[in-house]
């Protein structure tokens, strides 16, 4: 067999042998496929890693709340003045009262509670002992009493003064009949019109240190200018209020029940109002019925208790995973 070489373009042919590629830098098709597969896998893993990091970061920033049903009273406010059935005892001589009786301790009528000098001091009536006065002990309760109406404009003139020692004829203490109290309330006239037909009303009375919700009978009312004055007879007032003079009064007209959320938790989705929930580690949209809202809060129906509501929904999207 003839073994001499014959030249052909791009190849060297050897008789009795095989053709050889003279371009060793050209990649093979199999290597190219492997490269593109590895690149695609890398890009996929990188994108998934980015999404995981994003979802994890968002999950650290979102604020959620497991909701509960709540209720809130709706009504109108007024300013109140308590008028008690109270009797001031004056000192028969100069000096301090020597007594073991404590503030708001209950005493009986004509009970000797201590001495001033050598003179025994007894109580004029049954009730609770109070060792301060404010000058309103003898004011009349009638709404036609101009002095009573003026009290609302001159509250600073009736500051409570603790009794420590007395000159002859000055106050020693007073006794309050806790079973008989009057509450005079000043309020805007148009607000009172909402309850003119009522004979009794639920109120919440609020002082500096205590509050109480109770029922009060509406004894009388009168309109003067832009204001209405309402004479209430509170029922079963707590001992914490005995001796109090001024308070805020909230008239409860109805009760709102539902879910209370910050206003920013409310979102719009395809023309519907709702909220974003965390449901099985994903963001889900839930439509709600808006009952009432103001500049800060919204009351809604349509959610079940213990649902986890996202309070800052601008950070997430529907379907997003919460790590």
C-alpha atoms as a PDB file:
ATOM      1  CA  UNK A   1       0.000   0.000   0.000  1.00  0.00           C
ATOM      2  CA  UNK A   2       1.270   3.454  -0.842  1.00  0.00           C
ATOM      3  CA  UNK A   3       1.859   5.427   2.401  1.00  0.00           C
ATOM      4  CA  UNK A   4       2.799   8.800   0.972  1.00  0.00           C
ATOM      5  CA  UNK A   5       0.916  11.918   2.083  1.00  0.00           C
ATOM      6  CA  UNK A   6      -1.680  13.760   0.008  1.00  0.00           C
ATOM      7  CA  UNK A   7      -2.618  17.331   0.904  1.00  0.00           C
ATOM      8  CA  UNK A   8      -6.243  18.489   1.211  1.00  0.00           C
ATOM      9  CA  UNK A   9      -7.521  21.851   2.550  1.00  0.00           C
ATOM     10  CA  UNK A  10      -7.553  21.845   6.296  1.00  0.00           C
ATOM     11  CA  UNK A  11      -6.530  18.170   6.606  1.00  0.00           C
ATOM     12  CA  UNK A  12      -3.457  15.985   6.293  1.00  0.00           C
ATOM     13  CA  UNK A  13      -4.311  12.689   4.914  1.00  0.00           C
ATOM     14  CA  UNK A  14      -2.057   9.755   5.493  1.00  0.00           C
ATOM     15  CA  UNK A  15      -2.713   6.729   3.427  1.00  0.00           C
ATOM     16  CA  UNK A  16      -3.856   3.912   5.555  1.00  0.00           C
ATOM     17  CA  UNK A  17      -4.630   6.350   8.506  1.00  0.00           C
ATOM     18  CA  UNK A  18      -7.413   8.715   9.800  1.00  0.00           C
ATOM     19  CA  UNK A  19      -8.142  12.406   9.215  1.00  0.00           C
ATOM     20  CA  UNK A  20      -6.973  14.804  11.947  1.00  0.00           C
ATOM     21  CA  UNK A  21      -8.493  18.216  12.816  1.00  0.00           C
ATOM     22  CA  UNK A  22      -5.831  20.842  12.540  1.00  0.00           C
ATOM     23  CA  UNK A  23      -7.825  23.463  14.791  1.00  0.00           C
ATOM     24  CA  UNK A  24      -7.288  22.245  18.380  1.00  0.00           C
ATOM     25  CA  UNK A  25      -8.838  25.478  19.942  1.00  0.00           C
ATOM     26  CA  UNK A  26     -12.320  24.903  18.576  1.00  0.00           C
ATOM     27  CA  UNK A  27     -14.644  23.697  21.497  1.00  0.00           C
ATOM     28  CA  UNK A  28     -16.505  20.484  21.151  1.00  0.00           C
ATOM     29  CA  UNK A  29     -20.352  20.601  21.138  1.00  0.00           C
ATOM     30  CA  UNK A  30     -20.577  18.500  24.327  1.00  0.00           C
ATOM     31  CA  UNK A  31     -18.391  20.906  26.307  1.00  0.00           C
ATOM     32  CA  UNK A  32     -20.495  23.879  25.159  1.00  0.00           C
ATOM     33  CA  UNK A  33     -23.694  22.201  26.307  1.00  0.00           C
ATOM     34  CA  UNK A  34     -22.155  21.409  29.710  1.00  0.00           C
ATOM     35  CA  UNK A  35     -20.977  25.011  30.081  1.00  0.00           C
ATOM     36  CA  UNK A  36     -24.413  26.460  29.330  1.00  0.00           C
ATOM     37  CA  UNK A  37     -26.098  24.009  31.725  1.00  0.00           C
ATOM     38  CA  UNK A  38     -23.706  24.942  34.527  1.00  0.00           C
ATOM     39  CA  UNK A  39     -24.207  28.669  33.810  1.00  0.00           C
ATOM     40  CA  UNK A  40     -27.999  28.279  33.841  1.00  0.00           C
ATOM     41  CA  UNK A  41     -27.892  26.379  37.124  1.00  0.00           C
ATOM     42  CA  UNK A  42     -25.624  29.032  38.638  1.00  0.00           C
ATOM     43  CA  UNK A  43     -27.930  31.865  37.530  1.00  0.00           C
ATOM     44  CA  UNK A  44     -30.971  30.006  38.873  1.00  0.00           C
ATOM     45  CA  UNK A  45     -29.315  29.412  42.247  1.00  0.00           C
ATOM     46  CA  UNK A  46     -28.147  33.020  42.371  1.00  0.00           C
ATOM     47  CA  UNK A  47     -31.664  34.327  41.656  1.00  0.00           C
ATOM     48  CA  UNK A  48     -33.169  32.009  44.266  1.00  0.00           C
ATOM     49  CA  UNK A  49     -30.560  33.122  46.752  1.00  0.00           C
ATOM     50  CA  UNK A  50     -31.395  36.757  46.059  1.00  0.00           C
ATOM     51  CA  UNK A  51     -35.115  36.068  46.558  1.00  0.00           C
ATOM     52  CA  UNK A  52     -34.401  34.185  49.773  1.00  0.00           C
ATOM     53  CA  UNK A  53     -32.285  37.053  51.102  1.00  0.00           C
ATOM     54  CA  UNK A  54     -34.958  39.569  50.059  1.00  0.00           C
ATOM     55  CA  UNK A  55     -37.769  37.612  51.704  1.00  0.00           C
ATOM     56  CA  UNK A  56     -35.724  37.074  54.832  1.00  0.00           C
ATOM     57  CA  UNK A  57     -34.869  40.784  55.070  1.00  0.00           C
ATOM     58  CA  UNK A  58     -38.505  41.773  54.552  1.00  0.00           C
ATOM     59  CA  UNK A  59     -39.647  39.282  57.184  1.00  0.00           C
ATOM     60  CA  UNK A  60     -37.381  41.032  59.667  1.00  0.00           C
ATOM     61  CA  UNK A  61     -38.842  44.437  58.838  1.00  0.00           C
ATOM     62  CA  UNK A  62     -42.559  43.750  58.622  1.00  0.00           C
ATOM     63  CA  UNK A  63     -44.767  44.381  61.637  1.00  0.00           C
ATOM     64  CA  UNK A  64     -47.616  41.932  62.240  1.00  0.00           C
ATOM     65  CA  UNK A  65     -50.383  41.625  64.801  1.00  0.00           C
ATOM     66  CA  UNK A  66     -52.501  38.646  65.817  1.00  0.00           C
ATOM     67  CA  UNK A  67     -55.882  40.338  65.925  1.00  0.00           C
ATOM     68  CA  UNK A  68     -58.657  40.043  68.489  1.00  0.00           C
ATOM     69  CA  UNK A  69     -62.236  41.234  68.545  1.00  0.00           C
ATOM     70  CA  UNK A  70     -62.631  44.518  70.395  1.00  0.00           C
ATOM     71  CA  UNK A  71     -65.328  47.001  71.296  1.00  0.00           C
ATOM     72  CA  UNK A  72     -65.408  50.747  71.723  1.00  0.00           C
ATOM     73  CA  UNK A  73     -68.015  53.083  73.115  1.00  0.00           C
ATOM     74  CA  UNK A  74     -69.183  55.992  70.995  1.00  0.00           C
ATOM     75  CA  UNK A  75     -70.700  59.096  72.491  1.00  0.00           C
ATOM     76  CA  UNK A  76     -70.062  62.670  73.619  1.00  0.00           C
ATOM     77  CA  UNK A  77     -67.900  64.338  76.266  1.00  0.00           C
ATOM     78  CA  UNK A  78     -68.644  66.948  78.888  1.00  0.00           C
ATOM     79  CA  UNK A  79     -67.056  68.544  81.953  1.00  0.00           C
ATOM     80  CA  UNK A  80     -68.436  67.486  85.328  1.00  0.00           C
ATOM     81  CA  UNK A  81     -68.637  68.910  88.863  1.00  0.00           C
ATOM     82  CA  UNK A  82     -69.471  66.606  91.773  1.00  0.00           C
ATOM     83  CA  UNK A  83     -71.727  67.983  94.496  1.00  0.00           C
ATOM     84  CA  UNK A  84     -71.804  65.777  97.576  1.00  0.00           C
ATOM     85  CA  UNK A  85     -74.074  65.729 100.606  1.00  0.00           C
ATOM     86  CA  UNK A  86     -71.262  66.937 102.878  1.00  0.00           C
ATOM     87  CA  UNK A  87     -70.990  68.692 106.212  1.00  0.00           C
ATOM     88  CA  UNK A  88     -67.978  70.719 107.357  1.00  0.00           C
ATOM     89  CA  UNK A  89     -66.954  70.607 111.017  1.00  0.00           C
ATOM     90  CA  UNK A  90     -65.282  73.757 112.371  1.00  0.00           C
ATOM     91  CA  UNK A  91     -62.765  73.967 115.157  1.00  0.00           C
ATOM     92  CA  UNK A  92     -64.108  75.197 118.531  1.00  0.00           C
ATOM     93  CA  UNK A  93     -60.634  76.485 119.433  1.00  0.00           C
ATOM     94  CA  UNK A  94     -57.163  76.934 117.996  1.00  0.00           C
ATOM     95  CA  UNK A  95     -55.009  73.867 117.493  1.00  0.00           C
ATOM     96  CA  UNK A  96     -54.634  70.640 115.592  1.00  0.00           C
ATOM     97  CA  UNK A  97     -57.033  67.733 115.587  1.00  0.00           C
ATOM     98  CA  UNK A  98     -55.596  64.783 117.511  1.00  0.00           C
ATOM     99  CA  UNK A  99     -57.245  61.716 115.968  1.00  0.00           C
ATOM    100  CA  UNK A 100     -56.622  58.131 114.866  1.00  0.00           C
ATOM    101  CA  UNK A 101     -59.194  58.389 112.086  1.00  0.00           C
ATOM    102  CA  UNK A 102     -57.811  58.044 108.550  1.00  0.00           C
ATOM    103  CA  UNK A 103     -58.847  59.753 105.321  1.00  0.00           C
ATOM    104  CA  UNK A 104     -62.128  58.328 103.923  1.00  0.00           C
ATOM    105  CA  UNK A 105     -62.682  56.192 107.002  1.00  0.00           C
ATOM    106  CA  UNK A 106     -66.352  55.575 107.722  1.00  0.00           C
ATOM    107  CA  UNK A 107     -67.792  57.100 110.897  1.00  0.00           C
ATOM    108  CA  UNK A 108     -71.191  57.102 112.526  1.00  0.00           C
ATOM    109  CA  UNK A 109     -73.249  60.075 113.641  1.00  0.00           C
ATOM    110  CA  UNK A 110     -72.083  61.750 116.878  1.00  0.00           C
ATOM    111  CA  UNK A 111     -68.955  59.569 117.017  1.00  0.00           C
ATOM    112  CA  UNK A 112     -66.103  61.164 118.992  1.00  0.00           C
ATOM    113  CA  UNK A 113     -63.122  61.007 116.645  1.00  0.00           C
ATOM    114  CA  UNK A 114     -60.496  63.024 118.574  1.00  0.00           C
ATOM    115  CA  UNK A 115     -59.739  66.231 120.390  1.00  0.00           C
ATOM    116  CA  UNK A 116     -58.555  69.762 119.758  1.00  0.00           C
ATOM    117  CA  UNK A 117     -56.763  70.705 122.959  1.00  0.00           C
ATOM    118  CA  UNK A 118     -59.066  69.433 125.706  1.00  0.00           C
ATOM    119  CA  UNK A 119     -62.223  69.609 123.595  1.00  0.00           C
ATOM    120  CA  UNK A 120     -63.686  66.399 122.208  1.00  0.00           C
ATOM    121  CA  UNK A 121     -64.766  66.502 118.556  1.00  0.00           C
ATOM    122  CA  UNK A 122     -67.724  64.484 117.307  1.00  0.00           C
ATOM    123  CA  UNK A 123     -69.164  63.913 113.849  1.00  0.00           C
ATOM    124  CA  UNK A 124     -72.414  65.627 112.785  1.00  0.00           C
ATOM    125  CA  UNK A 125     -73.593  62.736 110.576  1.00  0.00           C
ATOM    126  CA  UNK A 126     -72.672  59.299 109.299  1.00  0.00           C
ATOM    127  CA  UNK A 127     -70.394  59.079 106.286  1.00  0.00           C
ATOM    128  CA  UNK A 128     -66.766  59.287 105.252  1.00  0.00           C
ATOM    129  CA  UNK A 129     -64.168  61.570 106.855  1.00  0.00           C
ATOM    130  CA  UNK A 130     -62.306  63.911 104.484  1.00  0.00           C
ATOM    131  CA  UNK A 131     -59.447  66.130 105.664  1.00  0.00           C
ATOM    132  CA  UNK A 132     -59.540  68.787 102.947  1.00  0.00           C
ATOM    133  CA  UNK A 133     -61.955  71.385 101.607  1.00  0.00           C
ATOM    134  CA  UNK A 134     -62.327  73.496  98.466  1.00  0.00           C
ATOM    135  CA  UNK A 135     -65.089  76.026  99.169  1.00  0.00           C
ATOM    136  CA  UNK A 136     -67.833  74.233  97.247  1.00  0.00           C
ATOM    137  CA  UNK A 137     -69.269  72.330 100.189  1.00  0.00           C
ATOM    138  CA  UNK A 138     -72.404  74.467 100.451  1.00  0.00           C
ATOM    139  CA  UNK A 139     -73.178  75.256  96.836  1.00  0.00           C
ATOM    140  CA  UNK A 140     -76.771  74.524  95.741  1.00  0.00           C
ATOM    141  CA  UNK A 141     -77.399  71.873  93.098  1.00  0.00           C
ATOM    142  CA  UNK A 142     -80.188  73.592  91.135  1.00  0.00           C
ATOM    143  CA  UNK A 143     -79.374  74.396  87.496  1.00  0.00           C
ATOM    144  CA  UNK A 144     -80.926  77.822  88.003  1.00  0.00           C
ATOM    145  CA  UNK A 145     -78.144  78.594  90.479  1.00  0.00           C
ATOM    146  CA  UNK A 146     -75.842  81.036  88.680  1.00  0.00           C
ATOM    147  CA  UNK A 147     -73.060  80.406  91.189  1.00  0.00           C
ATOM    148  CA  UNK A 148     -73.045  76.740  90.215  1.00  0.00           C
ATOM    149  CA  UNK A 149     -72.894  77.565  86.484  1.00  0.00           C
ATOM    150  CA  UNK A 150     -69.955  79.918  87.116  1.00  0.00           C
ATOM    151  CA  UNK A 151     -67.960  77.105  88.757  1.00  0.00           C
ATOM    152  CA  UNK A 152     -67.142  75.698  85.306  1.00  0.00           C
ATOM    153  CA  UNK A 153     -65.390  78.944  84.381  1.00  0.00           C
ATOM    154  CA  UNK A 154     -63.587  79.330  87.711  1.00  0.00           C
ATOM    155  CA  UNK A 155     -62.274  75.861  88.549  1.00  0.00           C
ATOM    156  CA  UNK A 156     -58.864  77.194  89.567  1.00  0.00           C
ATOM    157  CA  UNK A 157     -60.541  79.220  92.329  1.00  0.00           C
ATOM    158  CA  UNK A 158     -61.667  76.010  94.040  1.00  0.00           C
ATOM    159  CA  UNK A 159     -58.371  74.209  94.537  1.00  0.00           C
ATOM    160  CA  UNK A 160     -58.349  71.487  97.187  1.00  0.00           C
ATOM    161  CA  UNK A 161     -56.713  72.536 100.459  1.00  0.00           C
ATOM    162  CA  UNK A 162     -55.522  70.007 103.012  1.00  0.00           C
ATOM    163  CA  UNK A 163     -56.474  70.838 106.606  1.00  0.00           C
ATOM    164  CA  UNK A 164     -53.519  70.511 108.999  1.00  0.00           C
ATOM    165  CA  UNK A 165     -54.272  72.844 111.903  1.00  0.00           C
ATOM    166  CA  UNK A 166     -57.003  75.348 112.541  1.00  0.00           C
ATOM    167  CA  UNK A 167     -57.745  78.531 114.327  1.00  0.00           C
ATOM    168  CA  UNK A 168     -61.020  78.828 116.148  1.00  0.00           C
ATOM    169  CA  UNK A 169     -63.904  78.778 113.679  1.00  0.00           C
ATOM    170  CA  UNK A 170     -61.886  77.341 110.783  1.00  0.00           C
ATOM    171  CA  UNK A 171     -62.537  73.938 109.123  1.00  0.00           C
ATOM    172  CA  UNK A 172     -61.284  70.754 110.808  1.00  0.00           C
ATOM    173  CA  UNK A 173     -62.720  68.142 108.442  1.00  0.00           C
ATOM    174  CA  UNK A 174     -65.884  67.286 106.581  1.00  0.00           C
ATOM    175  CA  UNK A 175     -68.147  64.238 106.447  1.00  0.00           C
ATOM    176  CA  UNK A 176     -69.442  63.039 103.066  1.00  0.00           C
ATOM    177  CA  UNK A 177     -72.606  60.994 102.639  1.00  0.00           C
ATOM    178  CA  UNK A 178     -71.407  58.616  99.929  1.00  0.00           C
ATOM    179  CA  UNK A 179     -74.933  57.367  99.205  1.00  0.00           C
ATOM    180  CA  UNK A 180     -76.080  60.729  97.884  1.00  0.00           C
ATOM    181  CA  UNK A 181     -74.172  62.504  95.117  1.00  0.00           C
ATOM    182  CA  UNK A 182     -74.967  64.814  92.226  1.00  0.00           C
ATOM    183  CA  UNK A 183     -72.970  65.307  89.033  1.00  0.00           C
ATOM    184  CA  UNK A 184     -73.507  68.500  87.042  1.00  0.00           C
ATOM    185  CA  UNK A 185     -72.187  68.311  83.464  1.00  0.00           C
ATOM    186  CA  UNK A 186     -71.527  71.103  80.989  1.00  0.00           C
ATOM    187  CA  UNK A 187     -71.469  70.139  77.310  1.00  0.00           C
ATOM    188  CA  UNK A 188     -72.060  71.491  73.823  1.00  0.00           C
ATOM    189  CA  UNK A 189     -75.805  71.985  73.290  1.00  0.00           C
ATOM    190  CA  UNK A 190     -75.899  70.165  69.940  1.00  0.00           C
ATOM    191  CA  UNK A 191     -74.274  67.126  71.568  1.00  0.00           C
ATOM    192  CA  UNK A 192     -76.902  66.990  74.295  1.00  0.00           C
ATOM    193  CA  UNK A 193     -79.649  66.946  71.659  1.00  0.00           C
ATOM    194  CA  UNK A 194     -78.646  63.337  70.880  1.00  0.00           C
ATOM    195  CA  UNK A 195     -79.904  62.187  74.286  1.00  0.00           C
ATOM    196  CA  UNK A 196     -82.695  64.595  75.183  1.00  0.00           C
ATOM    197  CA  UNK A 197     -85.296  61.840  75.291  1.00  0.00           C
ATOM    198  CA  UNK A 198     -83.303  59.649  77.714  1.00  0.00           C
ATOM    199  CA  UNK A 199     -84.161  59.263  81.392  1.00  0.00           C
ATOM    200  CA  UNK A 200     -80.911  57.505  82.228  1.00  0.00           C
ATOM    201  CA  UNK A 201     -77.579  57.054  80.483  1.00  0.00           C
ATOM    202  CA  UNK A 202     -74.372  55.043  80.698  1.00  0.00           C
ATOM    203  CA  UNK A 203     -71.428  57.294  81.460  1.00  0.00           C
ATOM    204  CA  UNK A 204     -67.720  56.981  82.085  1.00  0.00           C
ATOM    205  CA  UNK A 205     -66.421  59.429  84.656  1.00  0.00           C
ATOM    206  CA  UNK A 206     -62.714  60.192  84.552  1.00  0.00           C
ATOM    207  CA  UNK A 207     -60.658  62.080  87.118  1.00  0.00           C
ATOM    208  CA  UNK A 208     -56.890  62.504  87.413  1.00  0.00           C
ATOM    209  CA  UNK A 209     -56.315  59.177  89.169  1.00  0.00           C
ATOM    210  CA  UNK A 210     -59.391  56.988  88.639  1.00  0.00           C
ATOM    211  CA  UNK A 211     -62.208  56.241  86.204  1.00  0.00           C
ATOM    212  CA  UNK A 212     -65.480  54.339  86.420  1.00  0.00           C
ATOM    213  CA  UNK A 213     -68.272  53.295  84.079  1.00  0.00           C
ATOM    214  CA  UNK A 214     -71.766  53.470  85.603  1.00  0.00           C
ATOM    215  CA  UNK A 215     -75.420  54.276  85.005  1.00  0.00           C
ATOM    216  CA  UNK A 216     -76.717  57.717  85.929  1.00  0.00           C
ATOM    217  CA  UNK A 217     -80.260  59.051  86.022  1.00  0.00           C
ATOM    218  CA  UNK A 218     -80.890  62.319  84.166  1.00  0.00           C
ATOM    219  CA  UNK A 219     -82.538  64.436  86.851  1.00  0.00           C
ATOM    220  CA  UNK A 220     -82.714  67.784  85.031  1.00  0.00           C
ATOM    221  CA  UNK A 221     -81.235  69.713  82.095  1.00  0.00           C
ATOM    222  CA  UNK A 222     -81.185  73.271  80.827  1.00  0.00           C
ATOM    223  CA  UNK A 223     -79.739  75.030  77.763  1.00  0.00           C
ATOM    224  CA  UNK A 224     -77.891  78.321  78.091  1.00  0.00           C
ATOM    225  CA  UNK A 225     -76.436  79.817  74.924  1.00  0.00           C
ATOM    226  CA  UNK A 226     -74.212  77.306  73.142  1.00  0.00           C
ATOM    227  CA  UNK A 227     -74.112  74.944  76.132  1.00  0.00           C
ATOM    228  CA  UNK A 228     -76.362  72.508  77.936  1.00  0.00           C
ATOM    229  CA  UNK A 229     -76.116  71.736  81.661  1.00  0.00           C
ATOM    230  CA  UNK A 230     -77.211  68.268  82.744  1.00  0.00           C
ATOM    231  CA  UNK A 231     -77.957  67.210  86.318  1.00  0.00           C
ATOM    232  CA  UNK A 232     -77.081  63.526  86.811  1.00  0.00           C
ATOM    233  CA  UNK A 233     -77.686  61.190  89.752  1.00  0.00           C
ATOM    234  CA  UNK A 234     -74.922  58.536  89.546  1.00  0.00           C
ATOM    235  CA  UNK A 235     -75.666  55.014  90.774  1.00  0.00           C
ATOM    236  CA  UNK A 236     -73.168  52.960  92.787  1.00  0.00           C
ATOM    237  CA  UNK A 237     -70.231  55.290  92.467  1.00  0.00           C
ATOM    238  CA  UNK A 238     -66.886  53.848  93.597  1.00  0.00           C
ATOM    239  CA  UNK A 239     -65.250  54.956  96.833  1.00  0.00           C
ATOM    240  CA  UNK A 240     -62.259  56.187  94.826  1.00  0.00           C
ATOM    241  CA  UNK A 241     -64.380  59.130  93.694  1.00  0.00           C
ATOM    242  CA  UNK A 242     -65.490  60.199  97.158  1.00  0.00           C
ATOM    243  CA  UNK A 243     -64.262  63.695  97.729  1.00  0.00           C
ATOM    244  CA  UNK A 244     -63.469  64.325  94.064  1.00  0.00           C
ATOM    245  CA  UNK A 245     -64.833  67.578  92.704  1.00  0.00           C
ATOM    246  CA  UNK A 246     -64.062  67.819  88.980  1.00  0.00           C
ATOM    247  CA  UNK A 247     -64.093  65.102  86.329  1.00  0.00           C
ATOM    248  CA  UNK A 248     -64.460  64.451  82.637  1.00  0.00           C
ATOM    249  CA  UNK A 249     -67.729  62.740  81.719  1.00  0.00           C
ATOM    250  CA  UNK A 250     -68.214  60.559  78.633  1.00  0.00           C
ATOM    251  CA  UNK A 251     -71.833  59.797  77.689  1.00  0.00           C
ATOM    252  CA  UNK A 252     -71.983  56.362  76.025  1.00  0.00           C
ATOM    253  CA  UNK A 253     -74.564  56.386  73.218  1.00  0.00           C
ATOM    254  CA  UNK A 254     -73.671  53.119  71.446  1.00  0.00           C
ATOM    255  CA  UNK A 255     -70.949  50.481  71.186  1.00  0.00           C
ATOM    256  CA  UNK A 256     -68.837  49.615  68.164  1.00  0.00           C
ATOM    257  CA  UNK A 257     -67.608  46.013  67.870  1.00  0.00           C
ATOM    258  CA  UNK A 258     -65.088  44.623  65.393  1.00  0.00           C
ATOM    259  CA  UNK A 259     -61.355  44.607  64.657  1.00  0.00           C
ATOM    260  CA  UNK A 260     -59.413  47.808  65.313  1.00  0.00           C
ATOM    261  CA  UNK A 261     -56.339  48.306  63.121  1.00  0.00           C
ATOM    262  CA  UNK A 262     -53.967  51.164  62.292  1.00  0.00           C
ATOM    263  CA  UNK A 263     -55.216  52.948  59.182  1.00  0.00           C
ATOM    264  CA  UNK A 264     -52.004  52.151  57.238  1.00  0.00           C
ATOM    265  CA  UNK A 265     -52.837  48.418  57.440  1.00  0.00           C
ATOM    266  CA  UNK A 266     -55.698  48.965  54.966  1.00  0.00           C
ATOM    267  CA  UNK A 267     -54.823  48.281  51.282  1.00  0.00           C
ATOM    268  CA  UNK A 268     -56.587  48.401  47.907  1.00  0.00           C
ATOM    269  CA  UNK A 269     -56.473  45.374  45.605  1.00  0.00           C
ATOM    270  CA  UNK A 270     -58.434  45.183  42.366  1.00  0.00           C
ATOM    271  CA  UNK A 271     -60.920  47.758  43.634  1.00  0.00           C
ATOM    272  CA  UNK A 272     -61.452  46.025  46.965  1.00  0.00           C
ATOM    273  CA  UNK A 273     -60.473  47.212  50.446  1.00  0.00           C
ATOM    274  CA  UNK A 274     -58.703  44.701  52.607  1.00  0.00           C
ATOM    275  CA  UNK A 275     -55.547  43.762  54.463  1.00  0.00           C
ATOM    276  CA  UNK A 276     -52.511  41.583  53.897  1.00  0.00           C
ATOM    277  CA  UNK A 277     -52.281  38.460  56.059  1.00  0.00           C
ATOM    278  CA  UNK A 278     -49.440  36.044  56.716  1.00  0.00           C
ATOM    279  CA  UNK A 279     -50.974  32.734  55.653  1.00  0.00           C
ATOM    280  CA  UNK A 280     -48.745  29.630  55.634  1.00  0.00           C
ATOM    281  CA  UNK A 281     -45.633  31.803  55.396  1.00  0.00           C
ATOM    282  CA  UNK A 282     -46.962  33.698  52.379  1.00  0.00           C
ATOM    283  CA  UNK A 283     -48.592  37.091  51.933  1.00  0.00           C
ATOM    284  CA  UNK A 284     -52.308  36.758  51.237  1.00  0.00           C
ATOM    285  CA  UNK A 285     -54.984  39.412  50.581  1.00  0.00           C
ATOM    286  CA  UNK A 286     -58.226  39.381  52.577  1.00  0.00           C
ATOM    287  CA  UNK A 287     -61.169  41.647  51.762  1.00  0.00           C
ATOM    288  CA  UNK A 288     -62.779  43.388  54.766  1.00  0.00           C
ATOM    289  CA  UNK A 289     -65.845  45.506  55.487  1.00  0.00           C
ATOM    290  CA  UNK A 290     -64.901  48.944  56.783  1.00  0.00           C
ATOM    291  CA  UNK A 291     -67.227  50.013  59.593  1.00  0.00           C
ATOM    292  CA  UNK A 292     -65.611  53.257  60.659  1.00  0.00           C
ATOM    293  CA  UNK A 293     -62.286  55.024  60.270  1.00  0.00           C
ATOM    294  CA  UNK A 294     -60.568  58.225  61.273  1.00  0.00           C
ATOM    295  CA  UNK A 295     -57.136  59.742  60.709  1.00  0.00           C
ATOM    296  CA  UNK A 296     -55.399  57.003  62.748  1.00  0.00           C
ATOM    297  CA  UNK A 297     -57.505  53.826  63.013  1.00  0.00           C
ATOM    298  CA  UNK A 298     -60.006  51.741  61.100  1.00  0.00           C
ATOM    299  CA  UNK A 299     -62.653  49.339  62.436  1.00  0.00           C
ATOM    300  CA  UNK A 300     -63.359  46.364  60.183  1.00  0.00           C
ATOM    301  CA  UNK A 301     -65.395  43.146  59.924  1.00  0.00           C
ATOM    302  CA  UNK A 302     -64.497  40.061  57.930  1.00  0.00           C
ATOM    303  CA  UNK A 303     -61.421  38.750  59.735  1.00  0.00           C
ATOM    304  CA  UNK A 304     -61.188  35.799  62.082  1.00  0.00           C
ATOM    305  CA  UNK A 305     -59.564  36.143  65.479  1.00  0.00           C
ATOM    306  CA  UNK A 306     -55.850  35.298  65.667  1.00  0.00           C
ATOM    307  CA  UNK A 307     -55.321  36.126  61.975  1.00  0.00           C
ATOM    308  CA  UNK A 308     -51.858  37.629  61.506  1.00  0.00           C
ATOM    309  CA  UNK A 309     -52.278  41.039  59.852  1.00  0.00           C
ATOM    310  CA  UNK A 310     -49.343  42.892  58.280  1.00  0.00           C
ATOM    311  CA  UNK A 311     -49.401  46.445  59.616  1.00  0.00           C
ATOM    312  CA  UNK A 312     -46.889  47.898  57.125  1.00  0.00           C
ATOM    313  CA  UNK A 313     -48.127  46.323  53.856  1.00  0.00           C
ATOM    314  CA  UNK A 314     -46.115  48.563  51.510  1.00  0.00           C
ATOM    315  CA  UNK A 315     -43.082  46.333  52.104  1.00  0.00           C
ATOM    316  CA  UNK A 316     -44.659  43.185  50.642  1.00  0.00           C
ATOM    317  CA  UNK A 317     -46.531  41.804  47.653  1.00  0.00           C
ATOM    318  CA  UNK A 318     -49.249  39.147  47.383  1.00  0.00           C
ATOM    319  CA  UNK A 319     -47.719  35.694  47.247  1.00  0.00           C
ATOM    320  CA  UNK A 320     -44.376  36.789  48.672  1.00  0.00           C
ATOM    321  CA  UNK A 321     -42.812  34.324  51.093  1.00  0.00           C
ATOM    322  CA  UNK A 322     -42.205  35.367  54.679  1.00  0.00           C
ATOM    323  CA  UNK A 323     -39.168  33.527  56.000  1.00  0.00           C
END
